[in-house]
N, C-alpha and C. Protein backbone atom coordinates (compact mmCIF):
# COMPACT_ATOMS: atom_id res chain seq x y z
N MET A 1 -15.13 -7.09 17.36
CA MET A 1 -15.35 -7.10 19.45
C MET A 1 -14.21 -8.30 20.27
N LYS A 2 -13.37 -7.90 21.25
CA LYS A 2 -12.86 -8.27 21.71
C LYS A 2 -12.42 -8.42 23.05
N ASP A 3 -12.74 -9.15 23.82
CA ASP A 3 -12.57 -8.90 25.53
C ASP A 3 -14.01 -8.18 25.32
N GLY A 4 -15.35 -7.98 25.03
CA GLY A 4 -16.37 -7.25 25.10
C GLY A 4 -16.13 -6.06 24.86
N MET A 5 -15.05 -5.47 23.76
CA MET A 5 -15.17 -4.19 24.13
C MET A 5 -15.11 -3.85 22.10
N ARG A 6 -15.39 -2.68 21.45
CA ARG A 6 -15.27 -2.70 20.43
C ARG A 6 -14.43 -1.73 20.32
N PHE A 7 -13.13 -1.97 18.86
CA PHE A 7 -12.55 -1.36 18.81
C PHE A 7 -12.45 -1.21 17.31
N VAL A 8 -11.93 0.37 17.19
CA VAL A 8 -11.63 0.52 16.10
C VAL A 8 -9.95 0.92 15.57
N ASP A 9 -9.76 0.38 14.34
CA ASP A 9 -8.32 0.66 14.24
C ASP A 9 -7.95 2.08 13.10
N CYS A 10 -7.51 3.23 13.89
CA CYS A 10 -7.62 4.52 12.87
C CYS A 10 -6.51 4.64 11.92
N ASP A 11 -5.86 3.52 12.55
CA ASP A 11 -4.30 3.63 11.29
C ASP A 11 -3.69 2.06 10.82
N MET A 12 -5.02 2.02 10.18
CA MET A 12 -4.43 0.95 9.10
C MET A 12 -4.32 0.90 8.02
N HIS A 13 -3.34 0.41 7.78
CA HIS A 13 -2.49 0.72 6.23
C HIS A 13 -2.44 -0.64 5.56
N VAL A 14 -3.41 -0.57 3.87
CA VAL A 14 -3.75 -0.92 3.44
C VAL A 14 -2.15 -1.56 1.95
N MET A 15 -2.16 -2.40 1.00
CA MET A 15 -0.93 -2.51 0.45
C MET A 15 -1.75 -2.32 -1.64
N GLU A 16 -1.22 -1.52 -1.69
CA GLU A 16 -2.15 -1.17 -2.71
C GLU A 16 -1.36 -1.64 -3.96
N PRO A 17 -2.31 -2.25 -5.08
CA PRO A 17 -1.60 -3.23 -6.03
C PRO A 17 -0.66 -2.93 -6.83
N ALA A 18 0.26 -3.84 -7.77
CA ALA A 18 0.88 -3.13 -8.67
C ALA A 18 0.27 -2.51 -9.60
N ASP A 19 -1.18 -3.33 -9.84
CA ASP A 19 -1.37 -2.37 -11.05
C ASP A 19 -2.52 -1.25 -11.13
N ILE A 20 -2.68 -0.63 -9.88
CA ILE A 20 -3.04 -0.08 -9.40
C ILE A 20 -3.64 1.40 -10.60
N PHE A 21 -2.51 2.08 -11.14
CA PHE A 21 -2.34 3.50 -11.54
C PHE A 21 -2.76 2.55 -13.27
N ASP A 22 -2.71 1.21 -13.81
CA ASP A 22 -2.90 0.85 -15.45
C ASP A 22 -4.28 1.03 -14.91
N ARG A 23 -5.20 0.53 -13.89
CA ARG A 23 -6.47 0.30 -14.41
C ARG A 23 -7.51 1.79 -13.64
N TYR A 24 -7.08 2.26 -12.59
CA TYR A 24 -7.65 3.65 -12.12
C TYR A 24 -6.56 5.14 -12.73
N LEU A 25 -5.68 5.47 -13.09
CA LEU A 25 -5.24 6.46 -13.40
C LEU A 25 -5.60 7.37 -14.75
N ASP A 26 -5.67 8.29 -14.43
CA ASP A 26 -6.69 9.16 -15.74
C ASP A 26 -5.14 9.04 -16.96
N PRO A 27 -5.99 8.47 -18.05
CA PRO A 27 -5.41 7.74 -19.57
C PRO A 27 -4.35 9.50 -19.66
N LYS A 28 -4.56 10.22 -19.63
CA LYS A 28 -3.51 11.67 -19.97
C LYS A 28 -2.39 11.08 -19.10
N PHE A 29 -2.25 10.89 -18.06
CA PHE A 29 -0.96 10.86 -17.47
C PHE A 29 -0.67 9.33 -17.48
N LYS A 30 -0.71 8.62 -17.81
CA LYS A 30 -0.32 7.10 -17.71
C LYS A 30 1.14 7.02 -18.69
N ASP A 31 1.35 7.76 -19.58
CA ASP A 31 2.65 7.33 -19.55
C ASP A 31 3.90 8.39 -18.90
N ARG A 32 3.56 8.57 -17.95
CA ARG A 32 4.44 9.43 -16.74
C ARG A 32 4.20 8.37 -15.88
N VAL A 33 3.78 7.33 -15.61
CA VAL A 33 3.59 6.74 -14.15
C VAL A 33 4.11 5.62 -14.97
N ILE A 34 5.10 4.67 -14.42
CA ILE A 34 5.76 3.13 -15.31
C ILE A 34 5.41 2.05 -13.75
N SER A 35 4.34 1.69 -13.67
CA SER A 35 4.46 0.45 -12.22
C SER A 35 4.79 -1.21 -12.78
N ALA A 36 5.80 -1.68 -11.67
CA ALA A 36 6.11 -2.82 -11.80
C ALA A 36 5.92 -3.57 -10.58
N PRO A 37 4.97 -5.20 -10.79
CA PRO A 37 4.85 -5.85 -9.72
C PRO A 37 6.22 -5.96 -8.71
N GLY A 38 6.31 -6.13 -7.87
CA GLY A 38 7.76 -6.50 -6.82
C GLY A 38 7.19 -7.60 -6.10
N ARG A 39 7.79 -7.95 -5.17
CA ARG A 39 7.91 -8.74 -4.51
C ARG A 39 6.39 -8.85 -2.86
N ALA A 40 5.63 -9.79 -2.84
CA ALA A 40 4.70 -10.34 -1.90
C ALA A 40 3.99 -8.62 -2.30
N GLY A 41 3.53 -8.97 -2.95
CA GLY A 41 2.66 -7.90 -4.15
C GLY A 41 3.09 -6.34 -3.55
N GLY A 42 3.49 -5.75 -3.84
CA GLY A 42 4.08 -5.08 -3.65
C GLY A 42 4.39 -3.91 -5.04
N ALA A 43 4.61 -3.47 -5.48
CA ALA A 43 5.17 -2.46 -6.17
C ALA A 43 6.20 -1.44 -6.88
N SER A 44 6.88 -1.43 -7.76
CA SER A 44 7.95 -0.28 -8.08
C SER A 44 7.03 -0.04 -8.91
N VAL A 45 7.00 1.49 -8.94
CA VAL A 45 6.80 2.74 -9.33
C VAL A 45 7.84 4.04 -9.77
N VAL A 46 7.64 4.57 -11.01
CA VAL A 46 8.34 5.00 -11.52
C VAL A 46 7.41 6.80 -11.75
N ILE A 47 7.59 7.35 -11.28
CA ILE A 47 7.21 8.32 -11.78
C ILE A 47 7.99 10.34 -12.68
N ASP A 48 7.62 10.42 -14.16
CA ASP A 48 8.17 11.26 -15.03
C ASP A 48 9.85 10.66 -14.61
N GLY A 49 10.17 9.54 -14.48
CA GLY A 49 11.59 9.41 -14.68
C GLY A 49 12.14 9.00 -13.36
N PHE A 50 11.65 9.22 -12.24
CA PHE A 50 11.61 9.32 -10.50
C PHE A 50 11.29 8.18 -9.91
N SER A 51 12.17 7.56 -9.07
CA SER A 51 11.52 6.48 -8.37
C SER A 51 10.41 7.08 -7.56
N ARG A 52 9.41 6.37 -6.60
CA ARG A 52 8.93 7.43 -6.02
C ARG A 52 8.91 7.08 -4.92
N SER A 53 10.37 6.95 -4.53
CA SER A 53 11.17 7.08 -3.29
C SER A 53 12.21 7.27 -2.93
N GLY A 54 13.28 7.38 -2.00
CA GLY A 54 14.72 7.47 -2.09
C GLY A 54 15.16 6.29 -1.33
N ASP A 55 14.28 4.49 -1.91
CA ASP A 55 14.74 3.23 -1.01
C ASP A 55 15.95 3.01 -1.59
N ASP A 56 16.58 3.30 -2.75
CA ASP A 56 18.32 3.00 -2.49
C ASP A 56 18.80 3.66 -1.67
N ASP A 57 18.56 4.87 -1.45
CA ASP A 57 19.03 5.02 -0.50
C ASP A 57 18.83 5.09 1.20
N LEU A 58 18.20 4.48 1.00
CA LEU A 58 17.57 4.05 2.92
C LEU A 58 18.32 2.13 3.18
N GLN A 59 18.64 1.36 1.50
CA GLN A 59 19.09 -0.06 2.08
C GLN A 59 20.41 0.33 3.10
N GLN A 60 20.82 1.58 3.38
CA GLN A 60 22.13 1.25 4.46
C GLN A 60 21.34 1.00 6.03
N TYR A 61 20.28 1.76 6.43
CA TYR A 61 19.71 1.44 7.37
C TYR A 61 18.79 -0.21 7.16
N ARG A 62 18.71 -0.43 6.59
CA ARG A 62 17.73 -1.87 6.46
C ARG A 62 18.38 -3.01 8.07
N LYS A 63 17.13 -3.74 8.11
CA LYS A 63 18.05 -4.78 8.92
C LYS A 63 18.57 -6.36 8.01
N ARG A 64 19.53 -6.28 8.00
CA ARG A 64 20.03 -7.49 7.55
C ARG A 64 19.84 -8.76 7.86
N SER A 65 19.05 -9.64 6.75
CA SER A 65 18.43 -10.62 7.18
C SER A 65 20.21 -11.87 7.10
N LYS A 66 19.28 -12.90 7.94
CA LYS A 66 20.54 -13.78 7.92
C LYS A 66 20.94 -14.33 6.61
N ASN A 67 22.60 -14.72 6.47
CA ASN A 67 22.43 -15.35 5.36
C ASN A 67 22.60 -14.52 4.09
N VAL A 68 22.14 -13.05 4.51
CA VAL A 68 22.08 -12.34 2.93
C VAL A 68 23.72 -11.72 3.25
N SER A 69 23.87 -11.25 1.46
CA SER A 69 24.75 -10.36 1.41
C SER A 69 24.73 -8.29 1.69
N SER A 70 25.69 -7.89 2.34
CA SER A 70 25.29 -6.22 2.55
C SER A 70 24.98 -5.70 1.28
N ASN A 71 25.44 -6.61 0.34
CA ASN A 71 24.99 -5.33 -0.98
C ASN A 71 23.59 -6.42 -1.84
N GLN A 72 22.56 -7.15 -0.89
CA GLN A 72 21.36 -7.32 -1.19
C GLN A 72 20.61 -6.15 -1.70
N ARG A 73 19.77 -6.27 -1.94
CA ARG A 73 18.70 -5.50 -1.55
C ARG A 73 17.82 -5.36 -0.22
N GLN A 74 17.24 -5.50 0.45
CA GLN A 74 16.24 -5.76 1.95
C GLN A 74 15.30 -5.39 2.44
N PRO A 75 14.14 -5.71 2.64
CA PRO A 75 13.08 -5.19 2.77
C PRO A 75 13.25 -4.10 4.42
N LEU A 76 12.17 -2.91 4.29
CA LEU A 76 12.57 -2.53 5.75
C LEU A 76 11.92 -2.89 7.16
N SER A 77 11.26 -4.06 6.55
CA SER A 77 11.23 -4.89 8.20
C SER A 77 10.50 -6.80 7.28
N GLY A 78 10.39 -7.49 8.04
CA GLY A 78 10.80 -8.41 7.52
C GLY A 78 8.73 -9.00 7.84
N SER A 79 8.35 -7.84 8.01
CA SER A 79 6.67 -8.48 8.31
C SER A 79 6.00 -8.67 7.17
N ARG A 80 6.14 -8.39 5.79
CA ARG A 80 5.50 -8.65 4.78
C ARG A 80 5.51 -10.10 4.42
N SER A 81 6.69 -10.66 5.22
CA SER A 81 6.81 -12.32 4.60
C SER A 81 6.66 -13.26 5.58
N ALA A 82 6.51 -12.20 6.84
CA ALA A 82 5.85 -13.17 8.25
C ALA A 82 4.28 -14.36 7.54
N PRO A 83 4.70 -15.58 8.24
CA PRO A 83 4.28 -16.67 8.17
C PRO A 83 3.04 -16.13 8.21
N TYR A 84 2.53 -15.99 9.06
CA TYR A 84 0.69 -15.21 9.74
C TYR A 84 0.63 -14.13 8.52
N LEU A 85 1.03 -14.08 7.31
CA LEU A 85 0.53 -12.57 6.29
C LEU A 85 0.04 -14.05 5.26
N GLY A 86 0.35 -15.28 5.47
CA GLY A 86 0.02 -15.96 4.23
C GLY A 86 -1.62 -15.43 2.85
N PHE A 87 -2.32 -15.69 4.05
CA PHE A 87 -3.89 -15.26 4.03
C PHE A 87 -4.02 -14.72 3.22
N ALA A 88 -2.96 -12.82 3.48
CA ALA A 88 -3.47 -11.95 2.92
C ALA A 88 -2.57 -11.21 1.69
N ILE A 89 -1.36 -12.38 1.30
CA ILE A 89 -0.88 -12.71 -0.03
C ILE A 89 -1.20 -13.46 -0.69
N GLU A 90 -1.92 -14.26 -0.61
CA GLU A 90 -2.66 -15.42 -1.32
C GLU A 90 -3.94 -14.39 -2.29
N ARG A 91 -4.56 -13.35 -0.88
CA ARG A 91 -4.93 -12.87 -1.50
C ARG A 91 -4.82 -11.67 -2.09
N ASN A 92 -3.54 -11.38 -2.60
CA ASN A 92 -3.06 -10.09 -3.27
C ASN A 92 -3.25 -8.88 -2.06
N TYR A 93 -3.99 -9.02 -0.87
CA TYR A 93 -3.46 -8.15 -0.27
C TYR A 93 -5.94 -7.21 -0.35
N ASP A 94 -6.27 -8.50 -0.90
CA ASP A 94 -7.74 -7.59 -1.15
C ASP A 94 -8.46 -7.17 -0.19
N PRO A 95 -9.64 -6.59 -0.25
CA PRO A 95 -10.54 -6.24 0.98
C PRO A 95 -11.05 -7.80 2.15
N VAL A 96 -11.31 -8.43 0.83
CA VAL A 96 -11.57 -9.70 2.09
C VAL A 96 -10.94 -10.32 2.86
N ALA A 97 -9.77 -9.58 2.72
CA ALA A 97 -8.11 -10.10 3.74
C ALA A 97 -7.96 -9.28 4.12
N GLN A 98 -8.02 -8.20 4.25
CA GLN A 98 -8.17 -6.68 4.94
C GLN A 98 -8.95 -7.10 5.98
N VAL A 99 -10.08 -7.64 6.32
CA VAL A 99 -11.62 -7.63 6.62
C VAL A 99 -10.98 -9.36 7.71
N MET A 100 -10.51 -10.18 6.68
CA MET A 100 -10.40 -11.44 7.63
C MET A 100 -9.02 -10.97 8.28
N GLY A 101 -7.92 -10.23 8.38
CA GLY A 101 -6.80 -9.86 9.40
C GLY A 101 -7.72 -8.65 10.75
N MET A 102 -8.17 -8.20 9.93
CA MET A 102 -9.34 -7.12 11.51
C MET A 102 -10.52 -8.79 12.40
N GLU A 103 -10.76 -9.45 11.65
CA GLU A 103 -11.06 -10.49 12.83
C GLU A 103 -10.03 -11.18 13.95
N MET A 104 -9.18 -11.41 12.67
CA MET A 104 -7.95 -12.29 13.27
C MET A 104 -7.60 -11.21 14.99
N GLU A 105 -7.69 -9.52 14.64
CA GLU A 105 -6.86 -8.95 15.69
C GLU A 105 -8.62 -8.78 16.54
N GLY A 106 -9.70 -8.56 16.36
CA GLY A 106 -10.74 -8.07 16.94
C GLY A 106 -11.02 -6.98 16.40
N VAL A 107 -10.93 -6.39 15.17
CA VAL A 107 -11.11 -4.99 14.90
C VAL A 107 -12.54 -5.32 14.16
N ASP A 108 -13.53 -3.86 14.76
CA ASP A 108 -14.82 -3.81 14.20
C ASP A 108 -14.65 -2.86 13.39
N ILE A 109 -13.61 -1.92 13.10
CA ILE A 109 -14.28 -0.83 11.95
C ILE A 109 -12.49 -0.08 12.03
N ALA A 110 -12.51 -0.51 10.93
CA ALA A 110 -11.04 0.12 10.16
C ALA A 110 -10.38 1.57 9.52
N VAL A 111 -9.89 2.77 9.95
CA VAL A 111 -9.72 3.37 9.11
C VAL A 111 -8.30 3.04 7.69
N LEU A 112 -8.29 3.05 7.08
CA LEU A 112 -7.13 2.60 5.57
C LEU A 112 -6.44 4.26 4.91
N PHE A 113 -5.39 3.22 5.86
CA PHE A 113 -4.34 4.82 4.49
C PHE A 113 -3.60 3.94 4.07
N PRO A 114 -3.22 4.78 2.80
CA PRO A 114 -2.14 4.05 1.66
C PRO A 114 -0.27 3.66 1.82
N THR A 115 -0.08 2.62 1.28
CA THR A 115 1.41 2.56 1.83
C THR A 115 2.07 2.58 0.79
N MET A 116 2.08 2.48 -0.18
CA MET A 116 2.52 2.79 -1.72
C MET A 116 1.97 3.67 -1.40
N GLY A 117 0.92 4.90 -1.08
CA GLY A 117 0.72 5.85 -1.88
C GLY A 117 1.14 7.69 -1.14
N LEU A 118 1.68 6.58 0.18
CA LEU A 118 2.35 7.89 1.11
C LEU A 118 3.54 8.63 0.30
N GLY A 119 4.58 7.92 0.01
CA GLY A 119 5.58 8.99 -0.68
C GLY A 119 4.77 8.67 -2.13
N LEU A 120 3.74 9.14 -2.95
CA LEU A 120 3.81 8.79 -4.44
C LEU A 120 3.78 10.61 -4.87
N ILE A 121 3.11 11.00 -3.62
CA ILE A 121 3.05 12.91 -3.63
C ILE A 121 3.83 13.62 -2.56
N ALA A 122 5.10 13.41 -2.61
CA ALA A 122 5.61 13.42 -1.56
C ALA A 122 6.85 13.98 -2.38
N ARG A 123 6.70 14.86 -3.19
CA ARG A 123 8.27 15.12 -3.82
C ARG A 123 8.00 16.55 -4.62
N ASN A 124 8.92 17.49 -4.08
CA ASN A 124 9.23 19.12 -4.43
C ASN A 124 8.74 19.13 -6.18
N GLY A 125 8.21 20.06 -6.88
CA GLY A 125 8.04 20.42 -7.51
C GLY A 125 7.22 19.87 -8.47
N MET A 126 6.26 18.52 -8.19
CA MET A 126 6.32 17.49 -9.05
C MET A 126 4.53 18.57 -9.59
N ASP A 127 4.25 18.00 -10.79
CA ASP A 127 3.35 18.27 -11.62
C ASP A 127 1.98 18.30 -10.68
N PRO A 128 1.20 19.39 -10.09
CA PRO A 128 0.21 19.65 -9.51
C PRO A 128 -1.03 18.61 -10.12
N LEU A 129 -0.96 18.98 -11.61
CA LEU A 129 -2.07 18.27 -12.33
C LEU A 129 -2.08 16.57 -11.86
N LEU A 130 -0.32 16.10 -12.21
CA LEU A 130 0.05 14.78 -11.84
C LEU A 130 -0.21 13.86 -10.56
N SER A 131 0.15 14.87 -9.73
CA SER A 131 -0.24 14.72 -8.54
C SER A 131 -1.92 14.61 -7.99
N ASN A 132 -2.31 15.46 -8.85
CA ASN A 132 -4.37 14.77 -8.17
C ASN A 132 -4.59 13.82 -8.36
N ALA A 133 -3.71 13.39 -10.05
CA ALA A 133 -4.58 12.55 -10.62
C ALA A 133 -4.05 11.12 -9.94
N LEU A 134 -2.47 10.75 -9.49
CA LEU A 134 -2.70 10.14 -8.23
C LEU A 134 -3.15 10.22 -7.12
N GLY A 135 -3.46 10.52 -6.63
CA GLY A 135 -4.49 11.05 -5.61
C GLY A 135 -6.08 10.05 -5.89
N GLN A 136 -6.49 10.96 -7.05
CA GLN A 136 -7.93 10.44 -7.07
C GLN A 136 -7.87 9.16 -7.92
N ALA A 137 -6.31 8.54 -8.50
CA ALA A 137 -6.67 7.20 -8.89
C ALA A 137 -6.12 6.23 -7.66
N TYR A 138 -5.89 6.60 -6.42
CA TYR A 138 -6.42 5.72 -5.20
C TYR A 138 -7.44 5.93 -4.72
N ASN A 139 -7.79 7.31 -4.38
CA ASN A 139 -9.20 7.29 -4.10
C ASN A 139 -10.55 6.63 -4.75
N ASN A 140 -10.42 6.33 -6.08
CA ASN A 140 -11.48 5.30 -6.49
C ASN A 140 -10.77 4.03 -6.81
N TRP A 141 -9.48 3.18 -6.76
CA TRP A 141 -9.57 1.78 -5.98
C TRP A 141 -9.59 1.91 -4.48
N ILE A 142 -9.26 2.53 -3.24
CA ILE A 142 -9.82 2.85 -2.33
C ILE A 142 -11.32 2.76 -1.78
N ALA A 143 -11.46 3.36 -2.90
CA ALA A 143 -13.28 3.47 -2.24
C ALA A 143 -13.76 1.90 -2.26
N GLY A 144 -13.60 1.36 -3.81
CA GLY A 144 -14.34 0.06 -4.41
C GLY A 144 -13.35 -0.45 -3.04
N CYS A 145 -12.20 -0.67 -2.78
CA CYS A 145 -12.89 -1.82 -1.75
C CYS A 145 -13.40 -2.03 -0.48
N CYS A 146 -13.57 -0.30 0.40
CA CYS A 146 -14.70 -0.08 1.29
C CYS A 146 -15.85 -0.86 0.92
N SER A 147 -16.19 -0.63 0.08
CA SER A 147 -17.54 -0.76 -0.67
C SER A 147 -17.58 -2.23 -0.78
N TYR A 148 -16.98 -3.26 -0.27
CA TYR A 148 -16.98 -4.63 0.19
C TYR A 148 -17.18 -4.57 1.60
N SER A 149 -17.21 -3.91 2.44
CA SER A 149 -17.63 -3.90 3.75
C SER A 149 -17.57 -2.46 4.31
N PRO A 150 -18.60 -1.84 3.72
CA PRO A 150 -18.60 -0.17 4.18
C PRO A 150 -19.18 0.33 5.10
N ASP A 151 -19.28 -0.53 6.26
CA ASP A 151 -19.76 -0.28 8.04
C ASP A 151 -18.19 -0.80 8.49
N ARG A 152 -17.28 -1.64 7.96
CA ARG A 152 -16.54 -1.59 8.73
C ARG A 152 -15.03 -1.25 7.93
N LEU A 153 -15.04 -0.92 6.70
CA LEU A 153 -13.80 -0.15 6.22
C LEU A 153 -13.97 1.25 5.97
N LYS A 154 -13.78 2.56 5.80
CA LYS A 154 -13.81 3.82 5.71
C LYS A 154 -12.17 3.80 5.54
N PHE A 155 -11.89 4.94 4.31
CA PHE A 155 -10.83 5.20 4.82
C PHE A 155 -10.52 7.12 4.46
N ALA A 156 -9.15 7.16 5.02
CA ALA A 156 -8.46 8.81 4.35
C ALA A 156 -8.18 8.53 3.09
N ALA A 157 -8.74 9.61 2.68
CA ALA A 157 -8.21 10.34 1.32
C ALA A 157 -7.10 10.77 0.88
N MET A 158 -6.69 11.04 0.25
CA MET A 158 -4.76 10.91 -0.57
C MET A 158 -4.91 12.02 -1.63
């Protein structure tokens, strides 16, 4: 509650853990998905030999940090490294951190959406069974997260 009003954030994003598919993907698909931890709790995911996104193509549009050469990889936003997110990074963006952030902002209920997951199945020609398995892995993980505070954390299925 903020200023006497209840707030619902209907588009709050989560940071999926780097090992989400190691833990939640149906074993018959695990040889087709490679995950590696990235910076600030993120992950690099390769599916059937392809990067999960056109990330390398987007580099030219990214803001350049001072003291960084133009050929170094840059985040799309500096927000994940912002000092006020330290608590979430330290907790690896777990559900406790999600609720802590909601408390800081005065949000009562949040509908959670994937971040990394948004680009996972947005590929023409992807095997529909693999696409379904990726979505199911995310859904199982996020359902567990929301069980931490079911009255406050809701999710949009993938």
